[in-house]
Amino acid sequence: MSSNEFTLDDIRGILRQSAGEPENLPLDGDIAERTFEEIGYDSLARLEACGRIEREYGVSLDAELIQGTSTPAYLIAAVNAQLVAQLAS
């Protein structure tokens, strides 16, 4: 699945597929600026989600980005920057 934009709804779907629904905070709420830990996803869940993003959107997320990604908004911006770069090349 390749798209011109990666959205909050996209990350919600990928998180649900990767690690299921969190117990402490519903994904349908305002999660963009919350940390993944606050939402209920540990580093393994984040790693799995990033792997899915790479496969489904054809981007390459380096290890530092994956480990340093603290919020869905930050991850969305990083993926969108790569998608824009792909369109420009």
PDB file of N, CA and C in Angstrom:
ATOM      1  N   MET A   1       0.843  -1.166   0.000  1.00  0.00           N
ATOM      2  CA  MET A   1       0.000   0.000   0.000  1.00  0.00           C
ATOM      3  C   MET A   1       0.888   1.229   0.000  1.00  0.00           C
ATOM      4  N   SER A   2       0.910   1.946  -1.060  1.00  0.00           N
ATOM      5  CA  SER A   2       1.690   3.163  -1.129  1.00  0.00           C
ATOM      6  C   SER A   2       0.741   4.344  -1.209  1.00  0.00           C
ATOM      7  N   SER A   3       1.101   5.410  -0.544  1.00  0.00           N
ATOM      8  CA  SER A   3       0.230   6.567  -0.498  1.00  0.00           C
ATOM      9  C   SER A   3       1.080   7.818  -0.542  1.00  0.00           C
ATOM     10  N   ASN A   4       0.446   8.942  -0.824  1.00  0.00           N
ATOM     11  CA  ASN A   4       1.157  10.207  -0.842  1.00  0.00           C
ATOM     12  C   ASN A   4       1.244  10.840   0.531  1.00  0.00           C
ATOM     13  N   GLU A   5       0.477  10.325   1.486  1.00  0.00           N
ATOM     14  CA  GLU A   5       0.490  10.888   2.833  1.00  0.00           C
ATOM     15  C   GLU A   5       0.219   9.795   3.862  1.00  0.00           C
ATOM     16  N   PHE A   6       0.957   9.852   4.935  1.00  0.00           N
ATOM     17  CA  PHE A   6       0.796   8.941   6.057  1.00  0.00           C
ATOM     18  C   PHE A   6       0.086   9.728   7.153  1.00  0.00           C
ATOM     19  N   THR A   7      -1.015   9.201   7.671  1.00  0.00           N
ATOM     20  CA  THR A   7      -1.858   9.962   8.597  1.00  0.00           C
ATOM     21  C   THR A   7      -1.953   9.298   9.971  1.00  0.00           C
ATOM     22  N   LEU A   8      -2.578  10.001  10.888  1.00  0.00           N
ATOM     23  CA  LEU A   8      -2.824   9.460  12.218  1.00  0.00           C
ATOM     24  C   LEU A   8      -3.707   8.221  12.141  1.00  0.00           C
ATOM     25  N   ASP A   9      -4.682   8.221  11.239  1.00  0.00           N
ATOM     26  CA  ASP A   9      -5.516   7.027  11.071  1.00  0.00           C
ATOM     27  C   ASP A   9      -4.687   5.840  10.576  1.00  0.00           C
ATOM     28  N   ASP A  10      -3.698   6.106   9.724  1.00  0.00           N
ATOM     29  CA  ASP A  10      -2.813   5.037   9.243  1.00  0.00           C
ATOM     30  C   ASP A  10      -2.037   4.430  10.406  1.00  0.00           C
ATOM     31  N   ILE A  11      -1.476   5.272  11.274  1.00  0.00           N
ATOM     32  CA  ILE A  11      -0.698   4.740  12.408  1.00  0.00           C
ATOM     33  C   ILE A  11      -1.616   3.992  13.367  1.00  0.00           C
ATOM     34  N   ARG A  12      -2.826   4.468  13.551  1.00  0.00           N
ATOM     35  CA  ARG A  12      -3.767   3.745  14.412  1.00  0.00           C
ATOM     36  C   ARG A  12      -3.998   2.325  13.893  1.00  0.00           C
ATOM     37  N   GLY A  13      -4.249   2.200  12.604  1.00  0.00           N
ATOM     38  CA  GLY A  13      -4.483   0.893  12.011  1.00  0.00           C
ATOM     39  C   GLY A  13      -3.279  -0.018  12.126  1.00  0.00           C
ATOM     40  N   ILE A  14      -2.109   0.523  11.885  1.00  0.00           N
ATOM     41  CA  ILE A  14      -0.885  -0.272  11.969  1.00  0.00           C
ATOM     42  C   ILE A  14      -0.609  -0.695  13.401  1.00  0.00           C
ATOM     43  N   LEU A  15      -0.823   0.189  14.354  1.00  0.00           N
ATOM     44  CA  LEU A  15      -0.620  -0.178  15.762  1.00  0.00           C
ATOM     45  C   LEU A  15      -1.579  -1.285  16.178  1.00  0.00           C
ATOM     46  N   ARG A  16      -2.810  -1.174  15.745  1.00  0.00           N
ATOM     47  CA  ARG A  16      -3.792  -2.227  16.076  1.00  0.00           C
ATOM     48  C   ARG A  16      -3.383  -3.566  15.470  1.00  0.00           C
ATOM     49  N   GLN A  17      -2.919  -3.555  14.232  1.00  0.00           N
ATOM     50  CA  GLN A  17      -2.492  -4.780  13.565  1.00  0.00           C
ATOM     51  C   GLN A  17      -1.231  -5.350  14.207  1.00  0.00           C
ATOM     52  N   SER A  18      -0.336  -4.479  14.618  1.00  0.00           N
ATOM     53  CA  SER A  18       0.951  -4.909  15.157  1.00  0.00           C
ATOM     54  C   SER A  18       0.864  -5.413  16.585  1.00  0.00           C
ATOM     55  N   ALA A  19       0.155  -4.675  17.428  1.00  0.00           N
ATOM     56  CA  ALA A  19       0.201  -4.982  18.859  1.00  0.00           C
ATOM     57  C   ALA A  19      -1.159  -4.998  19.533  1.00  0.00           C
ATOM     58  N   GLY A  20      -2.210  -4.819  18.788  1.00  0.00           N
ATOM     59  CA  GLY A  20      -3.535  -4.830  19.387  1.00  0.00           C
ATOM     60  C   GLY A  20      -3.915  -3.489  19.986  1.00  0.00           C
ATOM     61  N   GLU A  21      -5.073  -3.463  20.574  1.00  0.00           N
ATOM     62  CA  GLU A  21      -5.613  -2.245  21.189  1.00  0.00           C
ATOM     63  C   GLU A  21      -5.013  -2.074  22.587  1.00  0.00           C
ATOM     64  N   PRO A  22      -4.504  -0.885  22.904  1.00  0.00           N
ATOM     65  CA  PRO A  22      -3.952  -0.680  24.245  1.00  0.00           C
ATOM     66  C   PRO A  22      -5.049  -0.682  25.307  1.00  0.00           C
ATOM     67  N   GLU A  23      -4.665  -1.048  26.511  1.00  0.00           N
ATOM     68  CA  GLU A  23      -5.637  -1.114  27.600  1.00  0.00           C
ATOM     69  C   GLU A  23      -5.879   0.234  28.268  1.00  0.00           C
ATOM     70  N   ASN A  24      -4.856   1.087  28.310  1.00  0.00           N
ATOM     71  CA  ASN A  24      -4.970   2.286  29.134  1.00  0.00           C
ATOM     72  C   ASN A  24      -5.417   3.552  28.407  1.00  0.00           C
ATOM     73  N   LEU A  25      -5.401   3.580  27.082  1.00  0.00           N
ATOM     74  CA  LEU A  25      -5.786   4.790  26.359  1.00  0.00           C
ATOM     75  C   LEU A  25      -6.322   4.396  24.986  1.00  0.00           C
ATOM     76  N   PRO A  26      -7.569   4.715  24.682  1.00  0.00           N
ATOM     77  CA  PRO A  26      -8.128   4.322  23.389  1.00  0.00           C
ATOM     78  C   PRO A  26      -7.398   5.009  22.234  1.00  0.00           C
ATOM     79  N   LEU A  27      -7.134   4.253  21.193  1.00  0.00           N
ATOM     80  CA  LEU A  27      -6.444   4.804  20.033  1.00  0.00           C
ATOM     81  C   LEU A  27      -7.281   5.836  19.287  1.00  0.00           C
ATOM     82  N   ASP A  28      -8.591   5.785  19.456  1.00  0.00           N
ATOM     83  CA  ASP A  28      -9.444   6.727  18.736  1.00  0.00           C
ATOM     84  C   ASP A  28      -9.404   8.125  19.340  1.00  0.00           C
ATOM     85  N   GLY A  29      -8.786   8.276  20.497  1.00  0.00           N
ATOM     86  CA  GLY A  29      -8.671   9.581  21.128  1.00  0.00           C
ATOM     87  C   GLY A  29      -7.552  10.406  20.520  1.00  0.00           C
ATOM     88  N   ASP A  30      -7.232  11.496  21.170  1.00  0.00           N
ATOM     89  CA  ASP A  30      -6.185  12.397  20.708  1.00  0.00           C
ATOM     90  C   ASP A  30      -4.832  11.872  21.179  1.00  0.00           C
ATOM     91  N   ILE A  31      -4.194  11.070  20.333  1.00  0.00           N
ATOM     92  CA  ILE A  31      -2.941  10.413  20.715  1.00  0.00           C
ATOM     93  C   ILE A  31      -1.712  10.983  20.024  1.00  0.00           C
ATOM     94  N   ALA A  32      -1.877  11.918  19.121  1.00  0.00           N
ATOM     95  CA  ALA A  32      -0.769  12.387  18.285  1.00  0.00           C
ATOM     96  C   ALA A  32       0.435  12.860  19.094  1.00  0.00           C
ATOM     97  N   GLU A  33       0.197  13.587  20.164  1.00  0.00           N
ATOM     98  CA  GLU A  33       1.297  14.158  20.943  1.00  0.00           C
ATOM     99  C   GLU A  33       1.603  13.375  22.215  1.00  0.00           C
ATOM    100  N   ARG A  34       0.972  12.268  22.413  1.00  0.00           N
ATOM    101  CA  ARG A  34       1.269  11.405  23.576  1.00  0.00           C
ATOM    102  C   ARG A  34       2.427  10.490  23.217  1.00  0.00           C
ATOM    103  N   THR A  35       3.204  10.117  24.200  1.00  0.00           N
ATOM    104  CA  THR A  35       4.285   9.177  23.915  1.00  0.00           C
ATOM    105  C   THR A  35       3.698   7.787  23.690  1.00  0.00           C
ATOM    106  N   PHE A  36       4.453   6.971  22.981  1.00  0.00           N
ATOM    107  CA  PHE A  36       3.989   5.605  22.760  1.00  0.00           C
ATOM    108  C   PHE A  36       3.828   4.866  24.089  1.00  0.00           C
ATOM    109  N   GLU A  37       4.673   5.165  25.052  1.00  0.00           N
ATOM    110  CA  GLU A  37       4.566   4.537  26.365  1.00  0.00           C
ATOM    111  C   GLU A  37       3.268   4.945  27.066  1.00  0.00           C
ATOM    112  N   GLU A  38       2.899   6.230  26.960  1.00  0.00           N
ATOM    113  CA  GLU A  38       1.635   6.689  27.550  1.00  0.00           C
ATOM    114  C   GLU A  38       0.440   5.980  26.917  1.00  0.00           C
ATOM    115  N   ILE A  39       0.527   5.743  25.619  1.00  0.00           N
ATOM    116  CA  ILE A  39      -0.565   5.079  24.915  1.00  0.00           C
ATOM    117  C   ILE A  39      -0.640   3.610  25.316  1.00  0.00           C
ATOM    118  N   GLY A  40       0.506   3.032  25.623  1.00  0.00           N
ATOM    119  CA  GLY A  40       0.525   1.628  26.034  1.00  0.00           C
ATOM    120  C   GLY A  40       1.318   0.722  25.116  1.00  0.00           C
ATOM    121  N   TYR A  41       2.208   1.304  24.290  1.00  0.00           N
ATOM    122  CA  TYR A  41       3.021   0.515  23.375  1.00  0.00           C
ATOM    123  C   TYR A  41       4.493   0.619  23.749  1.00  0.00           C
ATOM    124  N   ASP A  42       5.107  -0.538  23.978  1.00  0.00           N
ATOM    125  CA  ASP A  42       6.525  -0.566  24.329  1.00  0.00           C
ATOM    126  C   ASP A  42       7.388  -0.522  23.069  1.00  0.00           C
ATOM    127  N   SER A  43       8.700  -0.621  23.256  1.00  0.00           N
ATOM    128  CA  SER A  43       9.626  -0.510  22.132  1.00  0.00           C
ATOM    129  C   SER A  43       9.452  -1.640  21.122  1.00  0.00           C
ATOM    130  N   LEU A  44       9.090  -2.832  21.569  1.00  0.00           N
ATOM    131  CA  LEU A  44       8.868  -3.935  20.634  1.00  0.00           C
ATOM    132  C   LEU A  44       7.646  -3.672  19.750  1.00  0.00           C
ATOM    133  N   ALA A  45       6.601  -3.142  20.321  1.00  0.00           N
ATOM    134  CA  ALA A  45       5.410  -2.804  19.533  1.00  0.00           C
ATOM    135  C   ALA A  45       5.741  -1.713  18.523  1.00  0.00           C
ATOM    136  N   ARG A  46       6.530  -0.741  18.939  1.00  0.00           N
ATOM    137  CA  ARG A  46       6.940   0.347  18.045  1.00  0.00           C
ATOM    138  C   ARG A  46       7.809  -0.194  16.915  1.00  0.00           C
ATOM    139  N   LEU A  47       8.697  -1.114  17.229  1.00  0.00           N
ATOM    140  CA  LEU A  47       9.559  -1.726  16.217  1.00  0.00           C
ATOM    141  C   LEU A  47       8.726  -2.493  15.190  1.00  0.00           C
ATOM    142  N   GLU A  48       7.758  -3.262  15.655  1.00  0.00           N
ATOM    143  CA  GLU A  48       6.870  -4.007  14.757  1.00  0.00           C
ATOM    144  C   GLU A  48       6.071  -3.052  13.873  1.00  0.00           C
ATOM    145  N   ALA A  49       5.554  -1.985  14.460  1.00  0.00           N
ATOM    146  CA  ALA A  49       4.788  -1.004  13.691  1.00  0.00           C
ATOM    147  C   ALA A  49       5.666  -0.352  12.626  1.00  0.00           C
ATOM    148  N   CYS A  50       6.884  -0.012  12.981  1.00  0.00           N
ATOM    149  CA  CYS A  50       7.796   0.613  12.016  1.00  0.00           C
ATOM    150  C   CYS A  50       8.125  -0.353  10.877  1.00  0.00           C
ATOM    151  N   GLY A  51       8.279  -1.624  11.183  1.00  0.00           N
ATOM    152  CA  GLY A  51       8.513  -2.620  10.141  1.00  0.00           C
ATOM    153  C   GLY A  51       7.353  -2.683   9.162  1.00  0.00           C
ATOM    154  N   ARG A  52       6.141  -2.642   9.679  1.00  0.00           N
ATOM    155  CA  ARG A  52       4.959  -2.634   8.812  1.00  0.00           C
ATOM    156  C   ARG A  52       4.917  -1.374   7.953  1.00  0.00           C
ATOM    157  N   ILE A  53       5.250  -0.245   8.549  1.00  0.00           N
ATOM    158  CA  ILE A  53       5.255   1.017   7.798  1.00  0.00           C
ATOM    159  C   ILE A  53       6.253   0.921   6.652  1.00  0.00           C
ATOM    160  N   GLU A  54       7.439   0.399   6.942  1.00  0.00           N
ATOM    161  CA  GLU A  54       8.457   0.268   5.897  1.00  0.00           C
ATOM    162  C   GLU A  54       7.951  -0.593   4.742  1.00  0.00           C
ATOM    163  N   ARG A  55       7.350  -1.722   5.064  1.00  0.00           N
ATOM    164  CA  ARG A  55       6.860  -2.630   4.021  1.00  0.00           C
ATOM    165  C   ARG A  55       5.679  -2.039   3.256  1.00  0.00           C
ATOM    166  N   GLU A  56       4.731  -1.462   3.954  1.00  0.00           N
ATOM    167  CA  GLU A  56       3.510  -1.001   3.309  1.00  0.00           C
ATOM    168  C   GLU A  56       3.660   0.321   2.558  1.00  0.00           C
ATOM    169  N   TYR A  57       4.593   1.155   3.015  1.00  0.00           N
ATOM    170  CA  TYR A  57       4.739   2.476   2.402  1.00  0.00           C
ATOM    171  C   TYR A  57       6.041   2.640   1.627  1.00  0.00           C
ATOM    172  N   GLY A  58       6.888   1.622   1.632  1.00  0.00           N
ATOM    173  CA  GLY A  58       8.113   1.667   0.851  1.00  0.00           C
ATOM    174  C   GLY A  58       9.117   2.696   1.323  1.00  0.00           C
ATOM    175  N   VAL A  59       9.145   2.951   2.607  1.00  0.00           N
ATOM    176  CA  VAL A  59      10.118   3.888   3.176  1.00  0.00           C
ATOM    177  C   VAL A  59      11.142   3.106   3.988  1.00  0.00           C
ATOM    178  N   SER A  60      12.224   3.764   4.329  1.00  0.00           N
ATOM    179  CA  SER A  60      13.254   3.135   5.139  1.00  0.00           C
ATOM    180  C   SER A  60      13.465   3.977   6.398  1.00  0.00           C
ATOM    181  N   LEU A  61      13.135   3.399   7.534  1.00  0.00           N
ATOM    182  CA  LEU A  61      13.273   4.102   8.812  1.00  0.00           C
ATOM    183  C   LEU A  61      14.509   3.569   9.512  1.00  0.00           C
ATOM    184  N   ASP A  62      15.502   4.430   9.743  1.00  0.00           N
ATOM    185  CA  ASP A  62      16.725   3.951  10.377  1.00  0.00           C
ATOM    186  C   ASP A  62      16.520   3.682  11.864  1.00  0.00           C
ATOM    187  N   ALA A  63      17.420   2.910  12.422  1.00  0.00           N
ATOM    188  CA  ALA A  63      17.296   2.462  13.817  1.00  0.00           C
ATOM    189  C   ALA A  63      17.219   3.642  14.789  1.00  0.00           C
ATOM    190  N   GLU A  64      17.995   4.689  14.552  1.00  0.00           N
ATOM    191  CA  GLU A  64      17.961   5.851  15.448  1.00  0.00           C
ATOM    192  C   GLU A  64      16.590   6.513  15.439  1.00  0.00           C
ATOM    193  N   LEU A  65      15.974   6.597  14.275  1.00  0.00           N
ATOM    194  CA  LEU A  65      14.647   7.187  14.184  1.00  0.00           C
ATOM    195  C   LEU A  65      13.641   6.329  14.935  1.00  0.00           C
ATOM    196  N   ILE A  66      13.705   5.028  14.724  1.00  0.00           N
ATOM    197  CA  ILE A  66      12.765   4.123  15.381  1.00  0.00           C
ATOM    198  C   ILE A  66      12.918   4.192  16.892  1.00  0.00           C
ATOM    199  N   GLN A  67      14.157   4.169  17.381  1.00  0.00           N
ATOM    200  CA  GLN A  67      14.386   4.209  18.821  1.00  0.00           C
ATOM    201  C   GLN A  67      14.075   5.578  19.400  1.00  0.00           C
ATOM    202  N   GLY A  68      14.279   6.632  18.625  1.00  0.00           N
ATOM    203  CA  GLY A  68      14.076   7.988  19.124  1.00  0.00           C
ATOM    204  C   GLY A  68      12.659   8.499  18.962  1.00  0.00           C
ATOM    205  N   THR A  69      11.832   7.762  18.231  1.00  0.00           N
ATOM    206  CA  THR A  69      10.466   8.202  17.995  1.00  0.00           C
ATOM    207  C   THR A  69       9.672   8.093  19.281  1.00  0.00           C
ATOM    208  N   SER A  70       9.202   9.224  19.754  1.00  0.00           N
ATOM    209  CA  SER A  70       8.491   9.194  21.030  1.00  0.00           C
ATOM    210  C   SER A  70       6.989   9.378  20.900  1.00  0.00           C
ATOM    211  N   THR A  71       6.531   9.994  19.800  1.00  0.00           N
ATOM    212  CA  THR A  71       5.098  10.237  19.642  1.00  0.00           C
ATOM    213  C   THR A  71       4.645   9.835  18.241  1.00  0.00           C
ATOM    214  N   PRO A  72       3.376   9.518  18.082  1.00  0.00           N
ATOM    215  CA  PRO A  72       2.866   9.256  16.744  1.00  0.00           C
ATOM    216  C   PRO A  72       3.068  10.445  15.797  1.00  0.00           C
ATOM    217  N   ALA A  73       2.918  11.670  16.288  1.00  0.00           N
ATOM    218  CA  ALA A  73       3.093  12.850  15.438  1.00  0.00           C
ATOM    219  C   ALA A  73       4.506  12.899  14.860  1.00  0.00           C
ATOM    220  N   TYR A  74       5.504  12.584  15.675  1.00  0.00           N
ATOM    221  CA  TYR A  74       6.892  12.588  15.215  1.00  0.00           C
ATOM    222  C   TYR A  74       7.102  11.515  14.150  1.00  0.00           C
ATOM    223  N   LEU A  75       6.569  10.329  14.379  1.00  0.00           N
ATOM    224  CA  LEU A  75       6.705   9.239  13.415  1.00  0.00           C
ATOM    225  C   LEU A  75       5.986   9.579  12.112  1.00  0.00           C
ATOM    226  N   ILE A  76       4.799  10.147  12.210  1.00  0.00           N
ATOM    227  CA  ILE A  76       4.044  10.540  11.018  1.00  0.00           C
ATOM    228  C   ILE A  76       4.836  11.546  10.194  1.00  0.00           C
ATOM    229  N   ALA A  77       5.424  12.539  10.843  1.00  0.00           N
ATOM    230  CA  ALA A  77       6.219  13.545  10.139  1.00  0.00           C
ATOM    231  C   ALA A  77       7.421  12.922   9.446  1.00  0.00           C
ATOM    232  N   ALA A  78       8.082  11.972  10.112  1.00  0.00           N
ATOM    233  CA  ALA A  78       9.247  11.315   9.523  1.00  0.00           C
ATOM    234  C   ALA A  78       8.863  10.494   8.298  1.00  0.00           C
ATOM    235  N   VAL A  79       7.765   9.766   8.386  1.00  0.00           N
ATOM    236  CA  VAL A  79       7.307   8.961   7.242  1.00  0.00           C
ATOM    237  C   VAL A  79       6.897   9.878   6.095  1.00  0.00           C
ATOM    238  N   ASN A  80       6.166  10.933   6.387  1.00  0.00           N
ATOM    239  CA  ASN A  80       5.740  11.854   5.333  1.00  0.00           C
ATOM    240  C   ASN A  80       6.911  12.547   4.659  1.00  0.00           C
ATOM    241  N   ALA A  81       7.949  12.856   5.421  1.00  0.00           N
ATOM    242  CA  ALA A  81       9.152  13.470   4.821  1.00  0.00           C
ATOM    243  C   ALA A  81       9.770  12.512   3.798  1.00  0.00           C
ATOM    244  N   GLN A  82       9.795  11.226   4.122  1.00  0.00           N
ATOM    245  CA  GLN A  82      10.348  10.252   3.177  1.00  0.00           C
ATOM    246  C   GLN A  82       9.447  10.086   1.953  1.00  0.00           C
ATOM    247  N   LEU A  83       8.143  10.104   2.166  1.00  0.00           N
ATOM    248  CA  LEU A  83       7.225   9.977   1.039  1.00  0.00           C
ATOM    249  C   LEU A  83       7.360  11.161   0.091  1.00  0.00           C
ATOM    250  N   VAL A  84       7.524  12.373   0.643  1.00  0.00           N
ATOM    251  CA  VAL A  84       7.719  13.563  -0.175  1.00  0.00           C
ATOM    252  C   VAL A  84       9.030  13.457  -0.952  1.00  0.00           C
ATOM    253  N   ALA A  85      10.079  12.976  -0.300  1.00  0.00           N
ATOM    254  CA  ALA A  85      11.372  12.818  -0.964  1.00  0.00           C
ATOM    255  C   ALA A  85      11.271  11.815  -2.117  1.00  0.00           C
ATOM    256  N   GLN A  86      10.503  10.743  -1.930  1.00  0.00           N
ATOM    257  CA  GLN A  86      10.310   9.764  -3.002  1.00  0.00           C
ATOM    258  C   GLN A  86       9.602  10.381  -4.192  1.00  0.00           C
ATOM    259  N   LEU A  87       8.611  11.212  -3.931  1.00  0.00           N
ATOM    260  CA  LEU A  87       7.875  11.854  -5.020  1.00  0.00           C
ATOM    261  C   LEU A  87       8.760  12.836  -5.788  1.00  0.00           C
ATOM    262  N   ALA A  88       9.678  13.478  -5.079  1.00  0.00           N
ATOM    263  CA  ALA A  88      10.546  14.470  -5.701  1.00  0.00           C
ATOM    264  C   ALA A  88      11.633  13.835  -6.556  1.00  0.00           C
ATOM    265  N   SER A  89      11.953  12.567  -6.280  1.00  0.00           N
ATOM    266  CA  SER A  89      13.042  11.942  -7.044  1.00  0.00           C
ATOM    267  C   SER A  89      12.548  11.181  -8.237  1.00  0.00           C
TER     268      SER A  89
END
